[in-house]
Amino acid sequence: ALCRAIDGLPLAIELAASRANVLSPAEMTRRLAGGVSVVSTRDPTLPDRQRSLDRLLDWTIDLLADDEQRALTRLGVFAAGFDLELSEAVIGDDVVPAGQVPDLVWSLVDWSLVGRDAAAGTTRYSLPATVRAHVLHQGEPSEISTARRRLAEALLARVGPGRTMTRAWVTEMGANLENIRAVVADDEVTDRTARSLAWSVGQYDDITSAFRTGIAELKRCIDLRPEPGPDLVALLTLQADLLLRVGEVSDAERLTERAAAMAAEFGVPPWDDMGVIRTRGELALRSDDPAGAVQLAEAALDSGPATLRGQARLWNLVAIARHAMGDVAGAAEALERCLVAEQEACLLYTSDAADDPTLV
């Protein structure tokens, strides 16, 4: 684990070995979270820059041009791999134009401060763990904070609730999942942004059948950001949905009622306007009351305008409930309405719908 944490660098392994008489490998691994200075030696026969990993990194970074140093510091906010478009969003500003970012990233690759991974026709980049730890420990705090906010905004634009869950969305979520999780857990990110991205993570966990993981991730975000609001309503109902997936009906019912009470006071987000009704309908189905589910859905559809996504979810509920009642024709009609709403929502919410119109 220690060798992995120091990226398998031969000099770093030598330095860590020289410390093994005072710290165990496990202790050194834990201490690396606070910077790489723990990996060092007092051997006077070595050049100064080779006596510790942080001095070696300082020496290397000092050789970089100013824009290369800025780019490296800002890239430290990535918890995992990234593509050039994301790096442009995080690095580019009035000081470092976005058009120069690719060349800066490629230069850092040449310096071995950034790694490159080409897979499935897409090139992604990442910082070695030691470089990232050093950059975050030594970098200018304001640079890092600004870069974190830019990363959060870029991820929200890519995979946030405003995007339709196409195959492309699922691929994007999988590629950036660790970056998104890090943003959600970052206390410098606003509650609204973090909770919106947490909702996307929960949807991804649902799609990939990682129900228990999704329940835990949503609970963690809700516990860290408990301020009432529309986006918290969406997290609560999604957590209830995942609890229903694993058969924990009573916990799901409790969360749904909490969400309903909060929605009555604070409203619901436009990207999940029918979430509470949909989950209440699921609970009715679990209680062997499909007629009650139909009544809930149709009353909501009749009560006023719903978003296309909300309409699709309610017609889906009606279809399932009518089929459970033996009304096959009614179920087919409801599914047809669901499909029309889904297709229109896809065209509205995603710019790449023409290339990937299939909804998950």
Protein backbone atom coordinates (compact mmCIF):
# COMPACT_ATOMS: atom_id res chain seq x y z
CA ALA A 1 0.00 0.00 0.00
CA LEU A 2 2.85 2.37 0.75
CA CYS A 3 4.53 1.65 -2.58
CA ARG A 4 1.25 2.36 -4.35
CA ALA A 5 0.79 5.58 -2.37
CA ILE A 6 4.19 6.85 -3.55
CA ASP A 7 3.46 5.78 -7.13
CA GLY A 8 6.18 3.13 -7.19
CA LEU A 9 8.88 5.80 -7.63
CA PRO A 10 12.30 4.20 -7.01
CA LEU A 11 13.71 7.21 -5.13
CA ALA A 12 10.57 7.46 -3.00
CA ILE A 13 10.77 3.75 -2.13
CA GLU A 14 14.42 4.18 -1.09
CA LEU A 15 13.52 7.17 1.06
CA ALA A 16 10.61 5.31 2.66
CA ALA A 17 12.86 2.33 3.40
CA SER A 18 15.31 4.62 5.20
CA ARG A 19 12.43 5.75 7.45
CA ALA A 20 11.34 2.21 8.30
CA ASN A 21 13.44 2.20 11.48
CA VAL A 22 11.23 4.90 13.04
CA LEU A 23 7.84 4.51 11.28
CA SER A 24 5.99 1.46 10.06
CA PRO A 25 4.87 1.38 6.40
CA ALA A 26 1.24 1.74 7.56
CA GLU A 27 2.12 4.85 9.58
CA MET A 28 3.95 6.39 6.65
CA THR A 29 0.99 5.66 4.37
CA ARG A 30 -1.38 7.44 6.76
CA ARG A 31 0.95 10.42 7.15
CA LEU A 32 1.19 10.89 3.38
CA ALA A 33 -2.30 12.42 3.50
CA GLY A 34 -0.67 15.49 5.11
CA GLY A 35 2.07 15.81 2.49
CA VAL A 36 5.04 13.81 1.26
CA SER A 37 7.68 15.20 3.64
CA VAL A 38 7.49 12.01 5.70
CA VAL A 39 9.27 10.23 2.83
CA SER A 40 12.80 11.53 3.52
CA THR A 41 16.30 10.70 4.68
CA ARG A 42 19.09 12.49 6.56
CA ASP A 43 21.84 10.83 4.53
CA PRO A 44 24.44 13.63 4.07
CA THR A 45 26.00 11.87 1.06
CA LEU A 46 22.92 12.56 -1.06
CA PRO A 47 22.26 15.85 -2.90
CA ASP A 48 19.80 18.04 -1.01
CA ARG A 49 17.01 17.54 -3.55
CA GLN A 50 17.24 13.74 -3.16
CA ARG A 51 16.92 13.72 0.64
CA SER A 52 13.13 14.00 0.62
CA LEU A 53 10.35 13.54 -1.89
CA ASP A 54 8.91 16.98 -1.23
CA ARG A 55 12.30 18.62 -1.93
CA LEU A 56 12.61 16.66 -5.14
CA LEU A 57 9.12 17.77 -6.20
CA ASP A 58 9.85 21.37 -5.18
CA TRP A 59 13.04 21.28 -7.24
CA THR A 60 11.17 19.93 -10.27
CA ILE A 61 8.25 22.36 -9.96
CA ASP A 62 10.65 25.30 -9.64
CA LEU A 63 11.90 24.45 -13.13
CA LEU A 64 8.41 24.92 -14.60
CA ALA A 65 7.23 28.10 -16.29
CA ASP A 66 4.69 30.19 -14.34
CA ASP A 67 1.70 28.99 -16.38
CA GLU A 68 2.82 25.37 -16.01
CA GLN A 69 2.97 25.83 -12.23
CA ARG A 70 -0.52 27.37 -12.20
CA ALA A 71 -1.88 24.56 -14.32
CA LEU A 72 -0.34 21.90 -12.07
CA THR A 73 -1.74 23.53 -8.93
CA ARG A 74 -5.22 23.73 -10.41
CA LEU A 75 -5.11 20.13 -11.64
CA GLY A 76 -4.58 19.05 -8.03
CA VAL A 77 -8.35 19.32 -7.47
CA PHE A 78 -8.95 16.20 -9.57
CA ALA A 79 -9.34 13.17 -7.33
CA ALA A 80 -9.06 10.88 -10.37
CA GLY A 81 -8.58 11.03 -14.13
CA PHE A 82 -9.78 13.84 -16.38
CA ASP A 83 -10.00 14.71 -20.07
CA LEU A 84 -8.77 17.83 -21.82
CA GLU A 85 -12.20 19.48 -21.81
CA LEU A 86 -12.45 19.24 -18.03
CA SER A 87 -8.89 20.48 -17.62
CA GLU A 88 -9.75 23.49 -19.78
CA ALA A 89 -12.75 24.26 -17.55
CA VAL A 90 -10.64 24.02 -14.38
CA ILE A 91 -7.45 25.73 -15.55
CA GLY A 92 -8.63 28.28 -18.11
CA ASP A 93 -9.23 31.88 -17.04
CA ASP A 94 -8.07 35.41 -17.86
CA VAL A 95 -4.51 34.54 -16.81
CA VAL A 96 -4.30 31.14 -18.52
CA PRO A 97 -6.46 31.13 -21.68
CA ALA A 98 -8.36 27.89 -22.24
CA GLY A 99 -6.79 27.52 -25.69
CA GLN A 100 -3.35 27.14 -24.08
CA VAL A 101 -4.42 24.48 -21.59
CA PRO A 102 -3.85 21.38 -23.78
CA ASP A 103 -0.24 22.40 -24.43
CA LEU A 104 0.30 22.98 -20.70
CA VAL A 105 -1.13 19.55 -19.85
CA TRP A 106 1.06 17.88 -22.48
CA SER A 107 4.10 19.74 -21.15
CA LEU A 108 3.36 18.43 -17.64
CA VAL A 109 3.13 14.94 -19.11
CA ASP A 110 6.64 15.45 -20.53
CA TRP A 111 7.81 16.45 -17.04
CA SER A 112 6.27 13.22 -15.66
CA LEU A 113 4.11 15.30 -13.32
CA VAL A 114 0.94 14.20 -15.11
CA GLY A 115 0.19 10.70 -16.34
CA ARG A 116 -1.57 9.80 -19.59
CA ASP A 117 -3.90 6.86 -20.16
CA ALA A 118 -5.33 6.12 -23.61
CA ALA A 119 -8.21 3.65 -23.49
CA ALA A 120 -11.26 2.98 -25.68
CA GLY A 121 -10.32 5.79 -28.03
CA THR A 122 -10.33 8.43 -25.28
CA THR A 123 -7.24 9.93 -23.67
CA ARG A 124 -7.46 10.72 -19.98
CA TYR A 125 -4.88 12.25 -17.69
CA SER A 126 -4.18 12.07 -13.96
CA LEU A 127 -1.76 13.32 -11.35
CA PRO A 128 0.35 10.72 -9.52
CA ALA A 129 -0.80 10.51 -5.90
CA THR A 130 2.48 11.93 -4.59
CA VAL A 131 2.35 14.91 -6.93
CA ARG A 132 -1.28 15.62 -6.10
CA ALA A 133 -0.65 15.43 -2.33
CA HIS A 134 2.31 17.79 -2.66
CA VAL A 135 0.43 20.26 -4.85
CA LEU A 136 -2.56 20.40 -2.51
CA HIS A 137 -0.27 20.81 0.52
CA GLN A 138 2.02 23.46 -0.97
CA GLY A 139 -0.21 25.17 -3.55
CA GLU A 140 -1.76 28.62 -3.24
CA PRO A 141 -5.06 28.09 -1.33
CA SER A 142 -6.97 30.65 -3.40
CA GLU A 143 -5.90 28.94 -6.64
CA ILE A 144 -7.07 25.59 -5.32
CA SER A 145 -10.40 26.92 -4.02
CA THR A 146 -11.19 28.62 -7.32
CA ALA A 147 -10.26 25.49 -9.26
CA ARG A 148 -12.54 23.39 -7.05
CA ARG A 149 -15.50 25.65 -7.74
CA ARG A 150 -14.81 25.51 -11.47
CA LEU A 151 -14.62 21.72 -11.35
CA ALA A 152 -17.95 21.53 -9.52
CA GLU A 153 -19.61 23.79 -12.11
CA ALA A 154 -18.14 21.82 -15.01
CA LEU A 155 -19.31 18.49 -13.59
CA LEU A 156 -22.76 19.91 -12.88
CA ALA A 157 -23.03 21.00 -16.51
CA ARG A 158 -21.93 17.56 -17.73
CA VAL A 159 -23.85 15.16 -15.53
CA GLY A 160 -26.11 17.23 -13.27
CA PRO A 161 -29.88 16.77 -12.93
CA GLY A 162 -30.48 18.89 -16.02
CA ARG A 163 -29.02 16.16 -18.21
CA THR A 164 -31.03 13.22 -19.51
CA MET A 165 -29.77 9.80 -18.46
CA THR A 166 -28.62 8.45 -21.81
CA ARG A 167 -25.91 5.85 -22.38
CA ALA A 168 -23.49 8.74 -22.86
CA TRP A 169 -24.49 10.11 -19.44
CA VAL A 170 -23.84 6.74 -17.78
CA THR A 171 -20.41 6.54 -19.42
CA GLU A 172 -19.60 10.09 -18.31
CA MET A 173 -20.69 9.35 -14.75
CA GLY A 174 -18.58 6.21 -14.58
CA ALA A 175 -15.51 8.00 -15.89
CA ASN A 176 -15.79 10.91 -13.44
CA LEU A 177 -17.39 9.19 -10.45
CA GLU A 178 -14.47 9.72 -8.06
CA ASN A 179 -14.14 13.38 -9.09
CA ILE A 180 -17.87 13.87 -8.49
CA ARG A 181 -17.75 12.14 -5.10
CA ALA A 182 -14.85 14.37 -4.05
CA VAL A 183 -16.81 17.48 -5.06
CA VAL A 184 -19.89 16.32 -3.14
CA ALA A 185 -17.76 15.82 -0.01
CA ASP A 186 -15.95 19.17 -0.36
CA ASP A 187 -17.21 21.70 2.19
CA GLU A 188 -16.13 24.58 -0.06
CA VAL A 189 -18.76 23.57 -2.63
CA THR A 190 -22.22 25.07 -2.14
CA ASP A 191 -24.99 22.87 -0.75
CA ARG A 192 -27.05 23.33 -3.89
CA THR A 193 -24.26 22.15 -6.22
CA ALA A 194 -23.17 19.29 -3.96
CA ARG A 195 -26.71 17.99 -3.43
CA SER A 196 -27.51 18.22 -7.14
CA LEU A 197 -24.42 16.16 -7.97
CA ALA A 198 -25.22 13.73 -5.14
CA TRP A 199 -28.60 13.16 -6.77
CA SER A 200 -26.83 12.28 -10.02
CA VAL A 201 -24.56 9.86 -8.13
CA GLY A 202 -27.62 8.24 -6.55
CA GLN A 203 -29.24 7.86 -9.97
CA TYR A 204 -26.06 6.27 -11.30
CA ASP A 205 -25.98 3.85 -8.36
CA ASP A 206 -29.61 2.99 -9.11
CA ILE A 207 -28.93 2.36 -12.81
CA THR A 208 -25.89 0.19 -12.03
CA SER A 209 -27.80 -1.71 -9.30
CA ALA A 210 -25.42 -0.46 -6.59
CA PHE A 211 -28.41 0.16 -4.32
CA ARG A 212 -26.64 -0.15 -0.95
CA THR A 213 -23.82 2.09 -2.12
CA GLY A 214 -26.33 4.68 -3.28
CA ILE A 215 -28.23 4.59 0.02
CA ALA A 216 -24.99 5.15 1.95
CA GLU A 217 -23.79 7.95 -0.34
CA LEU A 218 -27.08 9.82 -0.20
CA LYS A 219 -27.26 9.46 3.58
CA ARG A 220 -23.74 10.82 3.91
CA CYS A 221 -24.58 13.89 1.83
CA ILE A 222 -27.87 14.46 3.67
CA ASP A 223 -26.09 14.22 7.04
CA LEU A 224 -23.36 16.65 5.94
CA ARG A 225 -25.77 19.12 4.31
CA PRO A 226 -29.06 18.94 6.28
CA GLU A 227 -30.34 22.46 5.50
CA PRO A 228 -33.95 22.08 4.24
CA GLY A 229 -34.60 22.93 0.63
CA PRO A 230 -35.97 21.61 -2.67
CA ASP A 231 -32.79 19.75 -3.58
CA LEU A 232 -32.79 17.98 -0.20
CA VAL A 233 -36.37 16.84 -0.95
CA ALA A 234 -35.03 15.16 -4.10
CA LEU A 235 -32.23 13.41 -2.17
CA LEU A 236 -34.67 12.08 0.42
CA THR A 237 -37.08 10.68 -2.18
CA LEU A 238 -34.24 9.10 -4.15
CA GLN A 239 -32.90 7.49 -0.99
CA ALA A 240 -36.41 6.17 -0.34
CA ASP A 241 -36.52 4.76 -3.89
CA LEU A 242 -33.25 2.90 -3.30
CA LEU A 243 -34.52 1.57 0.01
CA LEU A 244 -37.54 0.19 -1.83
CA ARG A 245 -35.17 -1.57 -4.24
CA VAL A 246 -33.75 -3.56 -1.32
CA GLY A 247 -37.13 -4.14 0.35
CA GLU A 248 -36.78 -1.76 3.30
CA VAL A 249 -40.32 -0.40 2.99
CA SER A 250 -40.78 1.12 6.44
CA ASP A 251 -37.57 3.20 6.18
CA ALA A 252 -38.60 4.27 2.68
CA GLU A 253 -42.02 5.35 3.95
CA ARG A 254 -40.47 7.37 6.77
CA LEU A 255 -38.13 9.22 4.39
CA THR A 256 -40.93 9.84 1.89
CA GLU A 257 -43.12 11.47 4.51
CA ARG A 258 -40.19 13.62 5.63
CA ALA A 259 -39.63 14.64 2.01
CA ALA A 260 -43.34 15.39 1.52
CA ALA A 261 -43.43 17.64 4.59
CA MET A 262 -40.33 19.48 3.44
CA ALA A 263 -41.72 19.83 -0.10
CA ALA A 264 -44.90 21.40 1.26
CA GLU A 265 -42.81 24.11 2.92
CA PHE A 266 -39.90 24.60 0.53
CA GLY A 267 -41.09 23.22 -2.80
CA VAL A 268 -39.42 20.72 -5.13
CA PRO A 269 -36.64 21.16 -7.71
CA PRO A 270 -37.79 21.44 -11.34
CA TRP A 271 -35.65 18.44 -12.29
CA ASP A 272 -37.53 16.17 -9.85
CA ASP A 273 -40.93 17.82 -9.55
CA MET A 274 -42.88 14.54 -9.24
CA GLY A 275 -40.39 12.58 -7.17
CA VAL A 276 -42.45 12.55 -3.97
CA ILE A 277 -45.66 11.54 -5.78
CA ARG A 278 -43.82 8.82 -7.71
CA THR A 279 -42.33 7.33 -4.55
CA ARG A 280 -45.67 7.49 -2.76
CA GLY A 281 -47.13 5.58 -5.68
CA GLU A 282 -44.39 2.95 -5.34
CA LEU A 283 -45.27 2.60 -1.68
CA ALA A 284 -48.93 2.10 -2.63
CA LEU A 285 -47.90 -0.66 -5.04
CA ARG A 286 -45.85 -2.32 -2.29
CA SER A 287 -48.95 -2.19 -0.09
CA ASP A 288 -50.95 -4.02 -2.81
CA ASP A 289 -52.94 -0.88 -3.60
CA PRO A 290 -52.44 -0.27 -7.35
CA ALA A 291 -55.71 1.69 -7.53
CA GLY A 292 -54.32 4.08 -4.94
CA ALA A 293 -51.15 4.49 -7.05
CA VAL A 294 -53.23 5.32 -10.13
CA GLN A 295 -55.25 7.84 -8.13
CA LEU A 296 -52.10 9.58 -6.85
CA ALA A 297 -50.56 9.80 -10.32
CA GLU A 298 -53.67 10.91 -12.19
CA ALA A 299 -54.52 13.51 -9.54
CA ALA A 300 -51.03 14.98 -9.89
CA LEU A 301 -51.29 14.98 -13.69
CA ASP A 302 -54.67 16.73 -13.52
CA SER A 303 -53.69 19.25 -10.87
CA GLY A 304 -51.42 21.40 -12.99
CA PRO A 305 -48.45 21.50 -15.36
CA ALA A 306 -45.66 19.03 -14.73
CA THR A 307 -42.26 18.89 -16.41
CA LEU A 308 -41.86 16.37 -19.22
CA ARG A 309 -39.68 14.26 -16.97
CA GLY A 310 -42.32 14.42 -14.22
CA GLN A 311 -45.07 13.45 -16.65
CA ALA A 312 -43.06 10.48 -17.87
CA ARG A 313 -42.50 9.22 -14.33
CA LEU A 314 -46.18 9.48 -13.46
CA TRP A 315 -47.37 7.77 -16.66
CA ASN A 316 -44.88 5.02 -15.94
CA LEU A 317 -46.43 4.58 -12.51
CA VAL A 318 -49.93 4.49 -14.01
CA ALA A 319 -48.82 1.82 -16.49
CA ILE A 320 -47.35 -0.43 -13.80
CA ALA A 321 -50.36 0.00 -11.54
CA ARG A 322 -52.94 -0.62 -14.29
CA HIS A 323 -51.09 -3.73 -15.37
CA ALA A 324 -51.18 -4.95 -11.77
CA MET A 325 -54.96 -4.36 -11.85
CA GLY A 326 -55.29 -6.48 -15.01
CA ASP A 327 -56.02 -3.46 -17.24
CA VAL A 328 -53.62 -4.29 -20.07
CA ALA A 329 -55.10 -1.77 -22.51
CA GLY A 330 -54.88 1.01 -19.93
CA ALA A 331 -51.29 0.03 -19.15
CA ALA A 332 -50.36 0.12 -22.84
CA GLU A 333 -51.92 3.55 -23.29
CA ALA A 334 -50.06 4.89 -20.23
CA LEU A 335 -46.77 3.47 -21.49
CA GLU A 336 -47.31 5.17 -24.84
CA ARG A 337 -47.79 8.51 -23.08
CA CYS A 338 -44.71 7.81 -20.95
CA LEU A 339 -42.64 7.13 -24.07
CA VAL A 340 -43.75 10.36 -25.78
CA ALA A 341 -42.89 12.41 -22.70
CA GLU A 342 -39.50 10.69 -22.32
CA GLN A 343 -38.59 11.34 -25.94
CA GLU A 344 -39.57 15.01 -25.70
CA ALA A 345 -37.66 15.35 -22.43
CA CYS A 346 -34.58 13.81 -24.01
CA LEU A 347 -34.66 16.37 -26.83
CA LEU A 348 -35.12 19.18 -24.31
CA TYR A 349 -32.54 18.23 -21.71
CA THR A 350 -29.58 16.94 -23.69
CA SER A 351 -27.74 18.41 -26.63
CA ASP A 352 -26.53 15.00 -27.83
CA ALA A 353 -29.99 13.41 -28.00
CA ALA A 354 -29.78 13.12 -31.78
CA ASP A 355 -26.69 10.92 -31.41
CA ASP A 356 -27.92 8.97 -28.39
CA PRO A 357 -31.72 9.09 -27.97
CA THR A 358 -31.94 5.89 -25.91
CA LEU A 359 -32.99 6.53 -22.32
CA VAL A 360 -31.87 4.31 -19.49
